[in-house]
Amino acid sequence: MIKLTTAGESHGFGLYAIMEGLPSNLKIDTEEIDKYLALRQSGYGRGARQKIEKDKVQILSGMRNGLTLGSPLAFTIKNADYANWEAYMSPVSADTSVRRLTKVRPGHADLTGLFKFDQTDARNILERASARETAVRVAAGTVSRILLRELGVEIAGYVRSVEQISDEKEYTFEELKDVKNYDLFMPDAGIREAAKKRIDEIAAAKDTAGGIAEIRVKGLKRGFGSCMTYAEKLDARLAGAVMSVQAVKGVEIGLGFSAAKHAGSLVHDEIYYDDGKFYHKTNRAGGIEGGMSNGEEIVLRAAMKPIPTLMRGLNTVDFQTKDACRAATERSDVCAICAFEVIIESVVALTLAEVISARLGGDNLREWKTRYELLP
C-alpha cells in the first residue's frame, strides 16, 4: 500500500519525503512535478517568501532513468531561504537566542504547541506547523496524479470563492482544464476581477482572506472505499486527508451541508439502467455513496480560513513575560487560495492512490492496469 512520510522545517535545509508502495515502471516526469510546485507558489495575493523560493524536486532514490523501481521513492525540495537562516536553524549549532518567537499568534499552533512539546520558543513549533510543509505534499501528490492518469483517472479543480466573492456557476470537468492559466484560478472573468479587487482592499487593511476550492475527480471506477468498516470509507479518508492541510476548516462532498436543507427527493440520485449499464442522471452525492465511489465524478470542496499571520498583528500575550502585546508577524500572504487549491488537489490524488493501491495490490504498473481494467 502506498504510504507517504515527510520531514523538514520551514526555514530548515529542505523538505524530504519517502513514498512507499509505488509500482515499478511508472514513468515520472520531474518537470510535471516542478510545474505543480510552481503553481503552488503562484496566485494573486502571495507574499515575499515566494520570491525567494523557486521550488524544484530532486529525486534521491527509487527511480532509474525516469522509471520507478518498486523500492521507496525518496525526494527532496531544498529551501533557498536556509542560507539566511542557517545560523538560527542549524540542527547542531543554532543560536537559539536569536529569532525567538514568544508573542504567540492567534490561529496558529504556537501556544498549544509550546505546552504540548514543553518548549519556550514557538520557533520550535511554527517551523514544522508552517504551510511550507505542503510543498513536499504537492510533489507526492503529483507523483500520485501521474499514477492515477495511467488508470484513466484525472483530477481538476478551481477557486470557487475568495472571502464573500463567490462563483455559484456549475462547470464541466473539461471547462476546468485551463483554469490555472488565470492568476486566481477562477473561470469567470468578472468574478475573478471582483475577487482580485477585494484582495487588494484586504491587503490595504493589512488583513487576510480565505476562500473555497472545489476539486473534481473523473474516471474513478465503482467500489473504492468500503461500507463495511468506518476507517475505510472513501469520503472519510478524503475528508480526513483534506482536513490535515493547514488552514482547512470545512470539507463538503457533493451537496455537502446544503443536503440538510432539502427533502430527500431533492438530495438522493435516482438510479437508471440502459444499454447494459447502471447510471445516475444527477450527482448530488458527489460520486460517493455508502463510503464507496459510485462511478460518477467525485466533487469535493474545502474551506480555507484566512491566514492567521496578519501584518498588523492581533491581540495576544507574550508567552515568556505574560504581558499583553500584539502578535508577532512573519512574512505572510494576504490570500493563498490558489496555492490551497493545488495542495488540495495533490492531497486528494495521494489519498486516491493509497485507496487504489490497497484494493489492487500489485508490484508493477502492468499488474495495476490489468487489475483495474477488470473491475466493473
Protein backbone atom coordinates (compact mmCIF):
# COMPACT_ATOMS: atom_id res chain seq x y z
CA MET A 1 0.00 0.00 0.00
CA ILE A 2 1.22 3.50 -0.81
CA LYS A 3 2.46 5.41 2.22
CA LEU A 4 3.98 8.89 2.45
CA THR A 5 6.33 10.05 5.21
CA THR A 6 7.60 13.65 5.25
CA ALA A 7 10.10 15.70 7.22
CA GLY A 8 11.60 19.17 7.22
CA GLU A 9 11.10 22.67 8.65
CA SER A 10 10.03 25.90 7.00
CA HIS A 11 13.47 27.52 7.32
CA GLY A 12 15.48 24.32 7.61
CA PHE A 13 17.80 22.89 4.97
CA GLY A 14 14.92 21.40 2.99
CA LEU A 15 11.80 19.27 2.86
CA TYR A 16 12.02 15.50 2.48
CA ALA A 17 9.70 12.63 1.62
CA ILE A 18 9.65 8.87 1.23
CA MET A 19 6.85 7.25 -0.77
CA GLU A 20 6.49 3.52 -0.26
CA GLY A 21 4.34 1.16 -2.30
CA LEU A 22 4.64 2.71 -5.74
CA PRO A 23 4.60 0.11 -8.53
CA SER A 24 7.68 -0.34 -10.65
CA ASN A 25 7.91 1.00 -14.21
CA LEU A 26 5.93 4.18 -13.54
CA LYS A 27 7.46 6.95 -15.65
CA ILE A 28 7.81 10.07 -13.53
CA ASP A 29 8.28 13.41 -15.24
CA THR A 30 10.06 15.70 -12.78
CA GLU A 31 9.13 18.68 -14.98
CA GLU A 32 5.47 17.98 -14.23
CA ILE A 33 6.24 17.91 -10.50
CA ASP A 34 8.08 21.22 -10.82
CA LYS A 35 5.11 22.66 -12.74
CA TYR A 36 2.75 21.95 -9.85
CA LEU A 37 5.32 23.22 -7.34
CA ALA A 38 5.39 26.48 -9.31
CA LEU A 39 1.58 26.60 -9.35
CA ARG A 40 1.63 26.19 -5.57
CA GLN A 41 3.77 29.32 -5.38
CA SER A 42 1.55 31.29 -7.75
CA GLY A 43 -1.69 33.21 -7.44
CA TYR A 44 -2.91 36.67 -6.62
CA GLY A 45 -2.17 37.82 -3.08
CA ARG A 46 1.00 35.83 -2.36
CA GLY A 47 3.78 37.12 -0.11
CA ALA A 48 7.54 37.74 -0.20
CA ARG A 49 8.62 34.15 0.60
CA GLN A 50 7.53 33.04 -2.87
CA LYS A 51 10.05 35.44 -4.41
CA ILE A 52 12.85 33.69 -2.53
CA GLU A 53 11.96 30.05 -3.17
CA LYS A 54 11.95 28.53 -6.66
CA ASP A 55 10.90 25.04 -5.74
CA LYS A 56 12.36 22.12 -7.68
CA VAL A 57 12.14 18.46 -6.80
CA GLN A 58 15.25 16.30 -6.57
CA ILE A 59 14.73 12.54 -6.72
CA LEU A 60 17.21 10.81 -4.42
CA SER A 61 16.39 7.13 -4.83
CA GLY A 62 13.77 4.67 -6.04
CA MET A 63 13.96 5.69 -9.69
CA ARG A 64 16.35 4.90 -12.53
CA ASN A 65 16.27 6.51 -15.97
CA GLY A 66 12.86 8.04 -15.21
CA LEU A 67 11.16 4.80 -14.12
CA THR A 68 10.30 3.74 -10.58
CA LEU A 69 11.98 0.60 -9.33
CA GLY A 70 9.33 -0.58 -6.88
CA SER A 71 11.51 0.46 -3.96
CA PRO A 72 10.74 3.51 -1.78
CA LEU A 73 10.89 6.75 -3.74
CA ALA A 74 12.85 9.38 -1.81
CA PHE A 75 12.96 13.02 -2.85
CA THR A 76 13.70 16.48 -1.50
CA ILE A 77 12.88 20.13 -2.10
CA LYS A 78 15.60 22.47 -0.88
CA ASN A 79 14.79 25.68 0.99
CA ALA A 80 16.70 28.52 -0.66
CA ASP A 81 15.99 30.69 2.39
CA TYR A 82 18.06 28.35 4.58
CA ALA A 83 21.13 30.37 3.58
CA ASN A 84 19.66 33.28 5.55
CA TRP A 85 18.61 31.10 8.49
CA GLU A 86 21.39 28.54 8.94
CA ALA A 87 22.83 30.32 11.98
CA TYR A 88 19.44 30.09 13.71
CA MET A 89 18.14 26.78 12.34
CA SER A 90 21.18 24.51 12.16
CA PRO A 91 20.38 21.08 13.60
CA VAL A 92 23.66 21.03 15.54
CA SER A 93 24.85 24.60 16.13
CA ALA A 94 21.92 27.01 16.05
CA ASP A 95 21.95 30.25 18.03
CA THR A 96 18.58 29.82 19.75
CA SER A 97 18.81 33.20 21.49
CA VAL A 98 18.05 34.90 18.18
CA ARG A 99 14.84 34.73 16.12
CA ARG A 100 12.90 33.59 19.16
CA LEU A 101 9.14 33.87 18.98
CA THR A 102 7.22 34.30 22.22
CA LYS A 103 4.46 36.69 21.06
CA VAL A 104 2.26 33.76 20.12
CA ARG A 105 -0.06 34.24 17.16
CA PRO A 106 -3.82 33.62 17.36
CA GLY A 107 -4.97 30.96 14.91
CA HIS A 108 -1.56 29.26 14.81
CA ALA A 109 -0.13 26.21 16.53
CA ASP A 110 2.17 28.44 18.61
CA LEU A 111 0.56 28.49 22.05
CA THR A 112 -0.80 24.95 22.26
CA GLY A 113 2.38 23.57 20.71
CA LEU A 114 4.51 25.24 23.36
CA PHE A 115 2.61 23.40 26.08
CA LYS A 116 2.36 20.08 24.23
CA PHE A 117 6.06 19.82 23.36
CA ASP A 118 7.36 21.52 26.54
CA GLN A 119 9.04 24.42 24.75
CA THR A 120 9.61 28.11 25.48
CA ASP A 121 10.28 29.28 21.91
CA ALA A 122 7.41 28.99 19.42
CA ARG A 123 10.00 28.82 16.62
CA ASN A 124 10.31 25.12 17.53
CA ILE A 125 6.59 24.72 16.78
CA LEU A 126 5.89 27.00 13.86
CA GLU A 127 8.74 25.73 11.69
CA ARG A 128 7.02 22.38 11.22
CA ALA A 129 3.43 23.64 11.52
CA SER A 130 4.08 26.09 8.67
CA ALA A 131 2.29 25.60 5.36
CA ARG A 132 5.74 25.47 3.76
CA GLU A 133 5.48 21.74 4.53
CA THR A 134 2.81 21.38 1.85
CA ALA A 135 5.38 21.78 -0.94
CA VAL A 136 6.55 18.22 -0.42
CA ARG A 137 2.93 17.01 -0.36
CA VAL A 138 2.35 18.68 -3.72
CA ALA A 139 5.34 16.76 -5.09
CA ALA A 140 3.99 13.47 -3.72
CA GLY A 141 0.53 14.34 -4.99
CA THR A 142 1.90 14.93 -8.47
CA VAL A 143 3.55 11.51 -8.45
CA SER A 144 0.15 10.13 -7.43
CA ARG A 145 -1.54 12.15 -10.18
CA ILE A 146 0.79 10.57 -12.76
CA LEU A 147 -0.04 7.12 -11.41
CA LEU A 148 -3.81 7.78 -11.47
CA ARG A 149 -3.58 9.00 -15.04
CA GLU A 150 -2.22 5.60 -16.08
CA LEU A 151 -5.55 4.16 -14.89
CA GLY A 152 -7.63 6.81 -16.68
CA VAL A 153 -8.35 8.84 -13.54
CA GLU A 154 -8.00 12.62 -13.88
CA ILE A 155 -8.14 15.43 -11.32
CA ALA A 156 -9.04 19.09 -11.82
CA GLY A 157 -10.12 21.97 -9.63
CA TYR A 158 -10.71 25.69 -9.31
CA VAL A 159 -11.19 28.51 -6.82
CA ARG A 160 -14.89 28.78 -6.08
CA SER A 161 -14.73 31.77 -3.73
CA VAL A 162 -12.47 34.36 -2.14
CA GLU A 163 -13.93 35.70 1.10
CA GLN A 164 -17.52 36.65 0.11
CA ILE A 165 -16.86 36.83 -3.65
CA SER A 166 -18.27 33.51 -4.85
CA ASP A 167 -18.79 31.77 -8.19
CA GLU A 168 -22.02 29.74 -7.95
CA LYS A 169 -21.92 28.50 -11.55
CA GLU A 170 -21.50 24.79 -12.26
CA TYR A 171 -18.68 23.86 -14.61
CA THR A 172 -17.96 20.67 -16.51
CA PHE A 173 -14.69 18.87 -15.92
CA GLU A 174 -13.48 19.94 -19.35
CA GLU A 175 -14.18 23.62 -18.61
CA LEU A 176 -11.76 23.49 -15.70
CA LYS A 177 -8.75 22.16 -17.61
CA ASP A 178 -7.35 25.61 -18.48
CA VAL A 179 -8.37 27.45 -15.31
CA LYS A 180 -4.81 27.54 -13.94
CA ASN A 181 -3.84 29.87 -16.77
CA TYR A 182 -5.65 32.58 -14.78
CA ASP A 183 -3.92 34.29 -11.85
CA LEU A 184 -6.75 33.45 -9.44
CA PHE A 185 -7.86 30.05 -10.84
CA MET A 186 -11.43 31.37 -11.29
CA PRO A 187 -13.10 30.66 -14.67
CA ASP A 188 -15.41 33.69 -14.75
CA ALA A 189 -13.52 36.87 -15.69
CA GLY A 190 -15.94 39.24 -13.94
CA ILE A 191 -15.93 37.30 -10.68
CA ARG A 192 -12.16 36.92 -10.91
CA GLU A 193 -11.64 40.68 -11.18
CA ALA A 194 -14.04 41.34 -8.31
CA ALA A 195 -12.13 38.87 -6.15
CA LYS A 196 -8.79 40.50 -7.02
CA LYS A 197 -10.19 43.90 -6.11
CA ARG A 198 -11.35 42.52 -2.75
CA ILE A 199 -7.88 41.03 -2.11
CA ASP A 200 -6.36 44.46 -2.76
CA GLU A 201 -8.74 46.05 -0.25
CA ILE A 202 -7.88 43.43 2.36
CA ALA A 203 -4.16 43.90 1.73
CA ALA A 204 -4.51 47.65 2.23
CA ALA A 205 -6.11 46.95 5.60
CA LYS A 206 -3.20 44.64 6.48
CA ASP A 207 -5.69 41.81 6.83
CA THR A 208 -6.02 38.37 5.19
CA ALA A 209 -8.61 36.39 3.23
CA GLY A 210 -9.63 32.76 2.87
CA GLY A 211 -11.87 31.03 0.37
CA ILE A 212 -13.20 27.77 -1.03
CA ALA A 213 -11.61 25.40 -3.56
CA GLU A 214 -13.56 22.76 -5.46
CA ILE A 215 -11.86 19.57 -6.62
CA ARG A 216 -13.21 17.14 -9.22
CA VAL A 217 -12.11 13.58 -9.95
CA LYS A 218 -13.12 11.91 -13.20
CA GLY A 219 -12.73 8.27 -14.24
CA LEU A 220 -12.59 6.52 -10.86
CA LYS A 221 -14.47 3.22 -11.05
CA ARG A 222 -17.01 1.93 -8.55
CA GLY A 223 -16.18 0.31 -5.26
CA PHE A 224 -13.17 2.18 -3.90
CA GLY A 225 -13.58 2.60 -0.17
CA SER A 226 -15.89 0.38 1.88
CA CYS A 227 -19.23 0.29 3.63
CA MET A 228 -18.04 -2.50 5.94
CA THR A 229 -15.59 -0.65 8.20
CA TYR A 230 -15.74 3.05 9.04
CA ALA A 231 -11.98 3.56 8.67
CA GLU A 232 -12.12 2.52 5.01
CA LYS A 233 -14.96 4.81 3.93
CA LEU A 234 -13.73 6.82 0.96
CA ASP A 235 -15.43 10.05 2.00
CA ALA A 236 -13.94 9.69 5.48
CA ARG A 237 -10.47 9.08 4.04
CA LEU A 238 -10.72 12.09 1.73
CA ALA A 239 -12.18 14.39 4.36
CA GLY A 240 -9.51 13.40 6.87
CA ALA A 241 -6.71 13.92 4.38
CA VAL A 242 -8.03 17.31 3.32
CA MET A 243 -8.54 18.40 6.93
CA SER A 244 -4.86 17.60 7.56
CA VAL A 245 -3.92 20.54 5.33
CA GLN A 246 -3.10 23.74 7.21
CA ALA A 247 -5.97 26.28 7.40
CA VAL A 248 -8.77 23.87 6.37
CA LYS A 249 -11.88 24.40 8.48
CA GLY A 250 -14.51 22.55 6.46
CA VAL A 251 -14.94 19.82 3.83
CA GLU A 252 -18.02 19.09 1.69
CA ILE A 253 -18.67 16.24 -0.71
CA GLY A 254 -21.44 16.59 -3.27
CA LEU A 255 -24.24 18.76 -1.91
CA GLY A 256 -22.46 18.82 1.42
CA PHE A 257 -24.16 20.95 4.06
CA SER A 258 -26.88 22.05 1.65
CA ALA A 259 -28.18 18.45 1.62
CA ALA A 260 -29.57 19.13 5.09
CA LYS A 261 -31.76 21.92 3.70
CA HIS A 262 -33.71 19.84 1.16
CA ALA A 263 -36.15 16.94 1.14
CA GLY A 264 -34.79 13.50 0.28
CA SER A 265 -36.31 13.57 -3.20
CA LEU A 266 -34.05 16.53 -3.99
CA VAL A 267 -30.93 15.00 -2.44
CA HIS A 268 -30.60 11.36 -3.48
CA ASP A 269 -29.53 10.37 -7.00
CA GLU A 270 -32.07 8.10 -8.67
CA ILE A 271 -30.71 5.01 -10.41
CA TYR A 272 -31.34 4.05 -14.05
CA TYR A 273 -30.33 1.18 -16.32
CA ASP A 274 -29.80 1.28 -20.07
CA ASP A 275 -27.59 -0.40 -22.64
CA GLY A 276 -26.18 -2.82 -20.07
CA LYS A 277 -25.18 -0.12 -17.59
CA PHE A 278 -26.43 1.35 -14.32
CA TYR A 279 -26.17 5.13 -14.13
CA HIS A 280 -27.41 8.32 -12.44
CA LYS A 281 -28.81 11.43 -14.11
CA THR A 282 -27.68 13.59 -11.20
CA ASN A 283 -24.62 13.61 -8.96
CA ARG A 284 -25.76 15.18 -5.70
CA ALA A 285 -23.80 12.58 -3.72
CA GLY A 286 -20.57 13.84 -5.24
CA GLY A 287 -19.54 10.44 -6.55
CA ILE A 288 -19.56 8.66 -3.18
CA GLU A 289 -22.38 6.58 -1.69
CA GLY A 290 -22.10 4.36 1.38
CA GLY A 291 -18.46 5.27 1.76
CA MET A 292 -17.62 3.96 -1.74
CA SER A 293 -17.02 5.53 -5.13
CA ASN A 294 -20.08 5.02 -7.34
CA GLY A 295 -18.50 5.71 -10.73
CA GLU A 296 -19.64 9.32 -11.00
CA GLU A 297 -17.31 12.32 -10.71
CA ILE A 298 -16.09 12.94 -7.19
CA VAL A 299 -16.95 16.52 -6.18
CA LEU A 300 -15.21 17.87 -3.07
CA ARG A 301 -14.99 21.37 -1.65
CA ALA A 302 -12.61 22.60 1.05
CA ALA A 303 -12.90 25.83 3.06
CA MET A 304 -9.71 27.70 3.89
CA LYS A 305 -9.72 30.10 6.82
CA PRO A 306 -7.95 33.48 6.43
CA ILE A 307 -4.21 33.19 7.04
CA PRO A 308 -3.70 33.85 10.78
CA THR A 309 -0.48 35.85 10.40
CA LEU A 310 -1.71 39.43 9.93
CA MET A 311 0.79 42.15 9.15
CA ARG A 312 -0.94 44.43 11.67
CA GLY A 313 -0.95 41.67 14.29
CA LEU A 314 -3.72 40.59 16.63
CA ASN A 315 -4.05 40.93 20.38
CA THR A 316 -2.17 38.22 22.27
CA VAL A 317 0.10 37.56 25.25
CA ASP A 318 3.87 37.16 25.36
CA PHE A 319 4.43 33.56 26.45
CA GLN A 320 7.58 34.46 28.37
CA THR A 321 6.60 37.72 30.13
CA LYS A 322 2.82 37.12 30.24
CA ASP A 323 2.34 40.73 29.14
CA ALA A 324 -0.37 41.75 26.68
CA CYS A 325 1.04 42.58 23.25
CA ARG A 326 0.45 42.40 19.52
CA ALA A 327 1.18 39.09 17.80
CA ALA A 328 4.48 38.60 16.04
CA THR A 329 4.49 38.96 12.26
CA GLU A 330 6.36 36.58 10.00
CA ARG A 331 6.37 37.01 6.21
CA SER A 332 2.85 36.23 5.14
CA ASP A 333 0.43 36.08 2.25
CA VAL A 334 -2.73 38.15 2.03
CA CYS A 335 -4.51 35.33 0.21
CA ALA A 336 -3.10 31.92 -0.71
CA ILE A 337 -6.24 30.38 -2.18
CA CYS A 338 -4.53 29.32 -5.44
CA ALA A 339 -1.79 27.51 -3.53
CA PHE A 340 -4.52 26.00 -1.39
CA GLU A 341 -6.37 24.66 -4.45
CA VAL A 342 -3.21 22.99 -5.79
CA ILE A 343 -2.46 21.50 -2.38
CA ILE A 344 -5.98 20.08 -2.00
CA GLU A 345 -5.79 18.55 -5.50
CA SER A 346 -2.49 16.94 -4.50
CA VAL A 347 -3.80 15.57 -1.21
CA VAL A 348 -6.84 14.11 -2.96
CA ALA A 349 -4.59 12.48 -5.57
CA LEU A 350 -2.37 10.96 -2.90
CA THR A 351 -5.35 9.64 -0.92
CA LEU A 352 -6.91 8.05 -4.00
CA ALA A 353 -3.58 6.43 -4.87
CA GLU A 354 -3.44 4.99 -1.34
CA VAL A 355 -7.00 3.66 -1.58
CA ILE A 356 -6.49 2.18 -5.04
CA SER A 357 -3.23 0.53 -4.05
CA ALA A 358 -4.92 -1.12 -1.07
CA ARG A 359 -7.55 -2.69 -3.32
CA LEU A 360 -5.46 -3.59 -6.36
CA GLY A 361 -2.16 -4.60 -4.82
CA GLY A 362 0.48 -5.33 -7.43
CA ASP A 363 4.21 -4.75 -7.63
CA ASN A 364 4.44 -3.30 -11.13
CA LEU A 365 2.41 -0.91 -13.24
CA ARG A 366 1.28 -3.62 -15.66
CA GLU A 367 -0.36 -5.53 -12.79
CA TRP A 368 -2.09 -2.37 -11.58
CA LYS A 369 -3.51 -1.55 -15.00
CA THR A 370 -4.62 -5.13 -15.71
CA ARG A 371 -6.42 -5.43 -12.37
CA TYR A 372 -8.05 -2.01 -12.71
CA GLU A 373 -9.35 -2.81 -16.20
CA LEU A 374 -11.03 -5.98 -14.86
CA LEU A 375 -13.12 -4.00 -12.39
CA PRO A 376 -16.78 -3.38 -13.38
